[in-house]
C-alpha atoms as a PDB file:
ATOM      1  CA  UNK A   1      -0.009  -0.019  -0.020  1.00  0.00           C
ATOM      2  CA  UNK A   2       1.328   3.333  -1.044  1.00  0.00           C
ATOM      3  CA  UNK A   3       0.201   6.057   1.386  1.00  0.00           C
ATOM      4  CA  UNK A   4       1.536   8.971   3.289  1.00  0.00           C
ATOM      5  CA  UNK A   5      -1.023   8.546   5.965  1.00  0.00           C
ATOM      6  CA  UNK A   6       0.512   7.990   9.402  1.00  0.00           C
ATOM      7  CA  UNK A   7      -2.321   5.471  10.025  1.00  0.00           C
ATOM      8  CA  UNK A   8      -2.358   3.115   7.043  1.00  0.00           C
ATOM      9  CA  UNK A   9      -5.244   1.224   8.426  1.00  0.00           C
ATOM     10  CA  UNK A  10      -7.517   4.102   7.825  1.00  0.00           C
ATOM     11  CA  UNK A  11      -6.929   3.953   4.036  1.00  0.00           C
ATOM     12  CA  UNK A  12      -8.975   0.689   3.674  1.00  0.00           C
ATOM     13  CA  UNK A  13     -10.297  -0.377   7.127  1.00  0.00           C
ATOM     14  CA  UNK A  14     -11.682  -3.677   5.769  1.00  0.00           C
ATOM     15  CA  UNK A  15      -8.161  -4.842   4.751  1.00  0.00           C
ATOM     16  CA  UNK A  16      -7.075  -4.940   8.324  1.00  0.00           C
ATOM     17  CA  UNK A  17      -9.728  -7.712   9.000  1.00  0.00           C
ATOM     18  CA  UNK A  18      -8.488  -9.913   6.208  1.00  0.00           C
ATOM     19  CA  UNK A  19      -5.524 -12.341   6.409  1.00  0.00           C
ATOM     20  CA  UNK A  20      -3.273 -10.521   3.929  1.00  0.00           C
ATOM     21  CA  UNK A  21       0.231  -9.410   4.506  1.00  0.00           C
ATOM     22  CA  UNK A  22       0.344  -5.747   3.811  1.00  0.00           C
ATOM     23  CA  UNK A  23       3.435  -3.594   3.445  1.00  0.00           C
ATOM     24  CA  UNK A  24       3.276   0.133   3.427  1.00  0.00           C
ATOM     25  CA  UNK A  25       5.602   2.532   1.556  1.00  0.00           C
ATOM     26  CA  UNK A  26       5.715   6.108   0.592  1.00  0.00           C
ATOM     27  CA  UNK A  27       3.578   7.015  -2.508  1.00  0.00           C
ATOM     28  CA  UNK A  28       6.346   6.943  -5.113  1.00  0.00           C
ATOM     29  CA  UNK A  29       7.311   4.562  -7.837  1.00  0.00           C
ATOM     30  CA  UNK A  30      10.911   3.859  -6.518  1.00  0.00           C
ATOM     31  CA  UNK A  31       9.537   2.591  -3.271  1.00  0.00           C
ATOM     32  CA  UNK A  32       8.364  -0.542  -5.042  1.00  0.00           C
ATOM     33  CA  UNK A  33      11.850  -1.481  -6.157  1.00  0.00           C
ATOM     34  CA  UNK A  34      12.679  -2.211  -2.548  1.00  0.00           C
ATOM     35  CA  UNK A  35       9.651  -4.426  -1.621  1.00  0.00           C
ATOM     36  CA  UNK A  36      10.119  -7.472  -3.901  1.00  0.00           C
ATOM     37  CA  UNK A  37       7.359  -8.658  -6.094  1.00  0.00           C
ATOM     38  CA  UNK A  38       3.944  -7.776  -4.526  1.00  0.00           C
ATOM     39  CA  UNK A  39       0.724  -9.348  -5.879  1.00  0.00           C
ATOM     40  CA  UNK A  40      -1.061  -6.048  -5.988  1.00  0.00           C
ATOM     41  CA  UNK A  41      -0.453  -2.402  -5.335  1.00  0.00           C
ATOM     42  CA  UNK A  42      -2.960  -0.344  -3.465  1.00  0.00           C
ATOM     43  CA  UNK A  43      -2.655   3.411  -4.037  1.00  0.00           C
ATOM     44  CA  UNK A  44      -4.230   5.852  -1.466  1.00  0.00           C
ATOM     45  CA  UNK A  45      -6.072   8.140  -3.749  1.00  0.00           C
ATOM     46  CA  UNK A  46      -8.457   9.660  -1.180  1.00  0.00           C
ATOM     47  CA  UNK A  47      -7.240  13.171  -1.201  1.00  0.00           C
ATOM     48  CA  UNK A  48      -4.934  14.427  -3.946  1.00  0.00           C
ATOM     49  CA  UNK A  49      -6.495  13.112  -7.112  1.00  0.00           C
ATOM     50  CA  UNK A  50      -4.077  14.680  -9.425  1.00  0.00           C
ATOM     51  CA  UNK A  51      -0.968  13.267  -7.782  1.00  0.00           C
ATOM     52  CA  UNK A  52      -2.740   9.887  -7.300  1.00  0.00           C
ATOM     53  CA  UNK A  53      -3.579   9.780 -10.970  1.00  0.00           C
ATOM     54  CA  UNK A  54       0.102  10.544 -11.917  1.00  0.00           C
ATOM     55  CA  UNK A  55       1.277   7.892  -9.503  1.00  0.00           C
ATOM     56  CA  UNK A  56      -1.084   5.258 -10.878  1.00  0.00           C
ATOM     57  CA  UNK A  57       0.000   6.018 -14.390  1.00  0.00           C
ATOM     58  CA  UNK A  58       3.664   5.812 -13.556  1.00  0.00           C
ATOM     59  CA  UNK A  59       3.023   2.353 -11.806  1.00  0.00           C
ATOM     60  CA  UNK A  60       1.077   0.995 -14.712  1.00  0.00           C
ATOM     61  CA  UNK A  61       4.091   1.888 -17.027  1.00  0.00           C
ATOM     62  CA  UNK A  62       6.788   0.754 -14.638  1.00  0.00           C
ATOM     63  CA  UNK A  63       5.638  -2.579 -13.190  1.00  0.00           C
ATOM     64  CA  UNK A  64       3.570  -5.537 -14.277  1.00  0.00           C
ATOM     65  CA  UNK A  65       1.598  -5.505 -11.030  1.00  0.00           C
ATOM     66  CA  UNK A  66      -2.086  -4.908 -10.756  1.00  0.00           C
ATOM     67  CA  UNK A  67      -2.866  -1.399  -9.374  1.00  0.00           C
ATOM     68  CA  UNK A  68      -5.938  -0.625  -7.240  1.00  0.00           C
ATOM     69  CA  UNK A  69      -6.901   2.921  -6.515  1.00  0.00           C
ATOM     70  CA  UNK A  70      -8.641   3.439  -3.117  1.00  0.00           C
ATOM     71  CA  UNK A  71     -10.917   6.433  -3.310  1.00  0.00           C
ATOM     72  CA  UNK A  72     -13.801   8.182  -1.567  1.00  0.00           C
ATOM     73  CA  UNK A  73     -17.304   8.583  -3.165  1.00  0.00           C
ATOM     74  CA  UNK A  74     -16.231  12.112  -4.369  1.00  0.00           C
ATOM     75  CA  UNK A  75     -13.221  10.892  -6.064  1.00  0.00           C
ATOM     76  CA  UNK A  76     -15.185   8.443  -8.466  1.00  0.00           C
ATOM     77  CA  UNK A  77     -15.994  11.362 -10.917  1.00  0.00           C
ATOM     78  CA  UNK A  78     -12.260  11.847 -11.621  1.00  0.00           C
ATOM     79  CA  UNK A  79     -11.507   8.134 -12.502  1.00  0.00           C
ATOM     80  CA  UNK A  80     -10.993   7.236 -16.105  1.00  0.00           C
ATOM     81  CA  UNK A  81      -8.820   4.922 -18.267  1.00  0.00           C
ATOM     82  CA  UNK A  82      -6.043   7.564 -17.995  1.00  0.00           C
ATOM     83  CA  UNK A  83      -5.454   6.203 -14.416  1.00  0.00           C
ATOM     84  CA  UNK A  84      -4.200   2.834 -15.951  1.00  0.00           C
ATOM     85  CA  UNK A  85      -5.547   0.904 -12.862  1.00  0.00           C
ATOM     86  CA  UNK A  86      -6.955  -2.636 -12.862  1.00  0.00           C
ATOM     87  CA  UNK A  87      -9.594  -1.921 -10.231  1.00  0.00           C
ATOM     88  CA  UNK A  88     -10.869   0.758  -7.810  1.00  0.00           C
ATOM     89  CA  UNK A  89     -12.174   0.391  -4.244  1.00  0.00           C
ATOM     90  CA  UNK A  90     -14.018   2.698  -1.993  1.00  0.00           C
ATOM     91  CA  UNK A  91     -12.503   3.267   1.412  1.00  0.00           C
ATOM     92  CA  UNK A  92     -15.745   2.181   2.991  1.00  0.00           C
ATOM     93  CA  UNK A  93     -15.738  -1.316   1.166  1.00  0.00           C
ATOM     94  CA  UNK A  94     -16.675  -4.277   3.177  1.00  0.00           C
ATOM     95  CA  UNK A  95     -14.231  -7.045   3.902  1.00  0.00           C
ATOM     96  CA  UNK A  96     -16.288  -9.283   1.668  1.00  0.00           C
ATOM     97  CA  UNK A  97     -16.069  -6.954  -1.253  1.00  0.00           C
ATOM     98  CA  UNK A  98     -12.294  -6.370  -0.887  1.00  0.00           C
ATOM     99  CA  UNK A  99     -11.578 -10.028  -0.696  1.00  0.00           C
ATOM    100  CA  UNK A 100     -13.749 -10.759  -3.828  1.00  0.00           C
ATOM    101  CA  UNK A 101     -11.915  -8.053  -5.841  1.00  0.00           C
ATOM    102  CA  UNK A 102      -8.540  -9.319  -4.717  1.00  0.00           C
ATOM    103  CA  UNK A 103      -9.534 -12.813  -5.624  1.00  0.00           C
ATOM    104  CA  UNK A 104     -10.711 -11.718  -9.154  1.00  0.00           C
ATOM    105  CA  UNK A 105      -7.478  -9.874  -9.653  1.00  0.00           C
ATOM    106  CA  UNK A 106      -5.381 -12.932  -8.827  1.00  0.00           C
ATOM    107  CA  UNK A 107      -7.551 -15.167 -11.158  1.00  0.00           C
ATOM    108  CA  UNK A 108      -7.206 -12.660 -14.117  1.00  0.00           C
ATOM    109  CA  UNK A 109      -3.385 -12.471 -13.496  1.00  0.00           C
ATOM    110  CA  UNK A 110      -2.965 -16.266 -13.468  1.00  0.00           C
ATOM    111  CA  UNK A 111      -4.999 -16.698 -16.655  1.00  0.00           C
ATOM    112  CA  UNK A 112      -2.961 -14.175 -18.515  1.00  0.00           C
ATOM    113  CA  UNK A 113       0.343 -15.588 -17.352  1.00  0.00           C
ATOM    114  CA  UNK A 114      -0.492 -19.277 -17.906  1.00  0.00           C
ATOM    115  CA  UNK A 115       2.611 -21.192 -19.234  1.00  0.00           C
ATOM    116  CA  UNK A 116       2.344 -21.719 -23.006  1.00  0.00           C
ATOM    117  CA  UNK A 117      -0.315 -19.082 -23.595  1.00  0.00           C
ATOM    118  CA  UNK A 118       0.256 -16.593 -26.326  1.00  0.00           C
ATOM    119  CA  UNK A 119       1.351 -13.202 -25.105  1.00  0.00           C
ATOM    120  CA  UNK A 120      -0.711 -10.439 -26.733  1.00  0.00           C
ATOM    121  CA  UNK A 121       0.479  -6.871 -26.371  1.00  0.00           C
ATOM    122  CA  UNK A 122      -1.408  -4.690 -28.783  1.00  0.00           C
ATOM    123  CA  UNK A 123      -0.210  -5.756 -32.288  1.00  0.00           C
ATOM    124  CA  UNK A 124       2.686  -7.813 -30.887  1.00  0.00           C
ATOM    125  CA  UNK A 125       1.876 -11.557 -30.447  1.00  0.00           C
ATOM    126  CA  UNK A 126       4.472 -13.792 -28.698  1.00  0.00           C
ATOM    127  CA  UNK A 127       3.548 -17.410 -29.252  1.00  0.00           C
ATOM    128  CA  UNK A 128       5.525 -19.639 -26.780  1.00  0.00           C
ATOM    129  CA  UNK A 129       4.440 -23.029 -28.187  1.00  0.00           C
ATOM    130  CA  UNK A 130       5.392 -22.049 -31.676  1.00  0.00           C
ATOM    131  CA  UNK A 131       8.580 -20.207 -30.453  1.00  0.00           C
ATOM    132  CA  UNK A 132       7.611 -17.223 -32.707  1.00  0.00           C
ATOM    133  CA  UNK A 133       6.697 -13.634 -32.508  1.00  0.00           C
ATOM    134  CA  UNK A 134       4.630 -11.606 -34.992  1.00  0.00           C
ATOM    135  CA  UNK A 135       4.044  -7.874 -35.258  1.00  0.00           C
ATOM    136  CA  UNK A 136       1.042  -6.675 -37.216  1.00  0.00           C
ATOM    137  CA  UNK A 137       1.037 -10.278 -38.598  1.00  0.00           C
ATOM    138  CA  UNK A 138       4.636 -10.110 -39.763  1.00  0.00           C
ATOM    139  CA  UNK A 139       6.917 -12.879 -38.481  1.00  0.00           C
ATOM    140  CA  UNK A 140       9.911 -11.553 -36.665  1.00  0.00           C
ATOM    141  CA  UNK A 141      13.176 -13.382 -37.568  1.00  0.00           C
ATOM    142  CA  UNK A 142      14.590 -13.783 -34.041  1.00  0.00           C
ATOM    143  CA  UNK A 143      17.499 -15.944 -32.637  1.00  0.00           C
ATOM    144  CA  UNK A 144      16.801 -18.165 -29.790  1.00  0.00           C
ATOM    145  CA  UNK A 145      18.095 -15.698 -27.182  1.00  0.00           C
ATOM    146  CA  UNK A 146      16.319 -12.713 -28.805  1.00  0.00           C
ATOM    147  CA  UNK A 147      13.053 -14.601 -28.583  1.00  0.00           C
ATOM    148  CA  UNK A 148      13.615 -15.573 -24.974  1.00  0.00           C
ATOM    149  CA  UNK A 149      14.550 -11.945 -24.084  1.00  0.00           C
ATOM    150  CA  UNK A 150      11.355 -10.695 -25.835  1.00  0.00           C
ATOM    151  CA  UNK A 151       9.227 -13.451 -24.175  1.00  0.00           C
ATOM    152  CA  UNK A 152      10.531 -12.574 -20.729  1.00  0.00           C
ATOM    153  CA  UNK A 153       9.888  -8.797 -21.244  1.00  0.00           C
ATOM    154  CA  UNK A 154       6.532  -9.488 -22.706  1.00  0.00           C
ATOM    155  CA  UNK A 155       5.401 -11.830 -19.921  1.00  0.00           C
ATOM    156  CA  UNK A 156       6.190  -9.117 -17.437  1.00  0.00           C
ATOM    157  CA  UNK A 157       5.194  -6.139 -19.619  1.00  0.00           C
ATOM    158  CA  UNK A 158       5.510  -2.802 -17.885  1.00  0.00           C
ATOM    159  CA  UNK A 159       7.980  -4.146 -15.350  1.00  0.00           C
ATOM    160  CA  UNK A 160      11.521  -2.711 -15.294  1.00  0.00           C
ATOM    161  CA  UNK A 161      14.443  -5.211 -15.275  1.00  0.00           C
ATOM    162  CA  UNK A 162      18.068  -4.290 -14.514  1.00  0.00           C
ATOM    163  CA  UNK A 163      20.677  -5.851 -16.855  1.00  0.00           C
ATOM    164  CA  UNK A 164      21.861  -8.106 -14.169  1.00  0.00           C
ATOM    165  CA  UNK A 165      18.306  -9.447 -13.645  1.00  0.00           C
ATOM    166  CA  UNK A 166      17.932 -10.123 -17.416  1.00  0.00           C
ATOM    167  CA  UNK A 167      21.363 -11.797 -17.511  1.00  0.00           C
ATOM    168  CA  UNK A 168      20.301 -14.204 -14.604  1.00  0.00           C
ATOM    169  CA  UNK A 169      16.645 -14.792 -15.861  1.00  0.00           C
ATOM    170  CA  UNK A 170      17.151 -15.189 -19.576  1.00  0.00           C
ATOM    171  CA  UNK A 171      20.895 -16.235 -19.877  1.00  0.00           C
ATOM    172  CA  UNK A 172      21.127 -18.178 -16.624  1.00  0.00           C
ATOM    173  CA  UNK A 173      23.503 -18.099 -13.682  1.00  0.00           C
ATOM    174  CA  UNK A 174      26.293 -19.948 -15.567  1.00  0.00           C
ATOM    175  CA  UNK A 175      26.541 -17.433 -18.363  1.00  0.00           C
ATOM    176  CA  UNK A 176      30.030 -15.815 -18.351  1.00  0.00           C
ATOM    177  CA  UNK A 177      29.382 -12.795 -20.474  1.00  0.00           C
ATOM    178  CA  UNK A 178      28.929  -9.342 -19.217  1.00  0.00           C
ATOM    179  CA  UNK A 179      25.876  -7.019 -19.110  1.00  0.00           C
ATOM    180  CA  UNK A 180      26.699  -5.491 -22.506  1.00  0.00           C
ATOM    181  CA  UNK A 181      25.223  -8.713 -23.921  1.00  0.00           C
ATOM    182  CA  UNK A 182      21.948  -7.496 -22.771  1.00  0.00           C
ATOM    183  CA  UNK A 183      22.444  -4.073 -24.571  1.00  0.00           C
ATOM    184  CA  UNK A 184      23.374  -5.866 -27.786  1.00  0.00           C
ATOM    185  CA  UNK A 185      20.340  -8.050 -27.820  1.00  0.00           C
ATOM    186  CA  UNK A 186      18.056  -5.164 -27.007  1.00  0.00           C
ATOM    187  CA  UNK A 187      19.475  -3.092 -29.886  1.00  0.00           C
ATOM    188  CA  UNK A 188      18.977  -6.138 -32.225  1.00  0.00           C
ATOM    189  CA  UNK A 189      15.418  -6.623 -31.120  1.00  0.00           C
ATOM    190  CA  UNK A 190      14.548  -2.942 -31.554  1.00  0.00           C
ATOM    191  CA  UNK A 191      16.041  -3.137 -35.143  1.00  0.00           C
ATOM    192  CA  UNK A 192      13.902  -6.099 -35.866  1.00  0.00           C
ATOM    193  CA  UNK A 193      10.808  -4.444 -34.497  1.00  0.00           C
ATOM    194  CA  UNK A 194      11.487  -1.563 -36.883  1.00  0.00           C
ATOM    195  CA  UNK A 195      11.714   2.082 -36.375  1.00  0.00           C
ATOM    196  CA  UNK A 196       7.949   2.431 -35.869  1.00  0.00           C
ATOM    197  CA  UNK A 197       7.842  -0.015 -32.944  1.00  0.00           C
ATOM    198  CA  UNK A 198      11.378   0.136 -31.574  1.00  0.00           C
ATOM    199  CA  UNK A 199      10.156   2.262 -28.720  1.00  0.00           C
ATOM    200  CA  UNK A 200       8.168  -0.690 -27.488  1.00  0.00           C
ATOM    201  CA  UNK A 201      11.323  -1.776 -25.556  1.00  0.00           C
ATOM    202  CA  UNK A 202      11.781   1.208 -23.286  1.00  0.00           C
ATOM    203  CA  UNK A 203      14.973   2.222 -21.446  1.00  0.00           C
ATOM    204  CA  UNK A 204      14.594   3.457 -17.929  1.00  0.00           C
ATOM    205  CA  UNK A 205      17.691   5.524 -17.195  1.00  0.00           C
ATOM    206  CA  UNK A 206      20.021   4.260 -14.676  1.00  0.00           C
ATOM    207  CA  UNK A 207      17.872   1.076 -14.002  1.00  0.00           C
ATOM    208  CA  UNK A 208      17.325  -1.072 -17.165  1.00  0.00           C
ATOM    209  CA  UNK A 209      14.751  -2.076 -19.770  1.00  0.00           C
ATOM    210  CA  UNK A 210      11.049  -2.822 -19.988  1.00  0.00           C
ATOM    211  CA  UNK A 211       8.553  -3.763 -22.603  1.00  0.00           C
ATOM    212  CA  UNK A 212       5.939  -1.051 -22.747  1.00  0.00           C
ATOM    213  CA  UNK A 213       2.385  -1.952 -22.056  1.00  0.00           C
ATOM    214  CA  UNK A 214      -0.101  -0.883 -24.815  1.00  0.00           C
ATOM    215  CA  UNK A 215      -2.380   2.021 -23.942  1.00  0.00           C
ATOM    216  CA  UNK A 216      -5.660   0.887 -22.506  1.00  0.00           C
ATOM    217  CA  UNK A 217      -8.763   2.832 -23.704  1.00  0.00           C
ATOM    218  CA  UNK A 218     -10.940   4.470 -20.988  1.00  0.00           C
ATOM    219  CA  UNK A 219     -13.822   2.427 -19.670  1.00  0.00           C
ATOM    220  CA  UNK A 220     -17.237   3.862 -19.387  1.00  0.00           C
ATOM    221  CA  UNK A 221     -17.739   5.622 -16.009  1.00  0.00           C
ATOM    222  CA  UNK A 222     -20.721   3.465 -15.189  1.00  0.00           C
ATOM    223  CA  UNK A 223     -18.662   0.327 -15.220  1.00  0.00           C
ATOM    224  CA  UNK A 224     -15.860   1.591 -12.948  1.00  0.00           C
ATOM    225  CA  UNK A 225     -17.421  -0.045  -9.845  1.00  0.00           C
ATOM    226  CA  UNK A 226     -20.147  -2.598 -10.134  1.00  0.00           C
ATOM    227  CA  UNK A 227     -21.948  -4.149  -7.213  1.00  0.00           C
ATOM    228  CA  UNK A 228     -21.051  -7.664  -6.266  1.00  0.00           C
END
């Protein structure tokens, strides 16, 4: 939970009644780099809606973790697809509602990350079973390591990986090459994606690389929060 409140339990009181391990941090993206791999990120959006929207957008572009904005009734009118959140919760939500929405998020995350499933990111389709990737229907001629790198970034689209992390997770612990290997493969991937789509693999200065998530269109306001 990202909040500046001295009493985090007041952000979503129902959460304190549920058996979930909750860690709190200051409301900034860099705070998440120090807390491992959370299943979901809750953003305290009860007061400053402009700053909260900015933080949610940054989180959506920086990590492949579902983001939930916690709002008051008055804040609902400001929510749109520009927030880039998976879900919203009212601070007065009951324990049953909070648990149900968390359960649905976990189910959706598991279904989209099932081993062997095709990874679809806008016009980019990464087919693990066929060991192939297509962009706008065009087959990309990738080497084995280029495909593995693209697949890894695609499976965790939006999440930033350091070069060391990519070396360990794509090349393996026994690889003896240096981190420049990652830079070379990223450069080759961008070239094969073409100038129009090269920016899909983003560089986060002084951190590493990520595969950009496609823009999600705004949802109708009436569907932002449906009764269970």
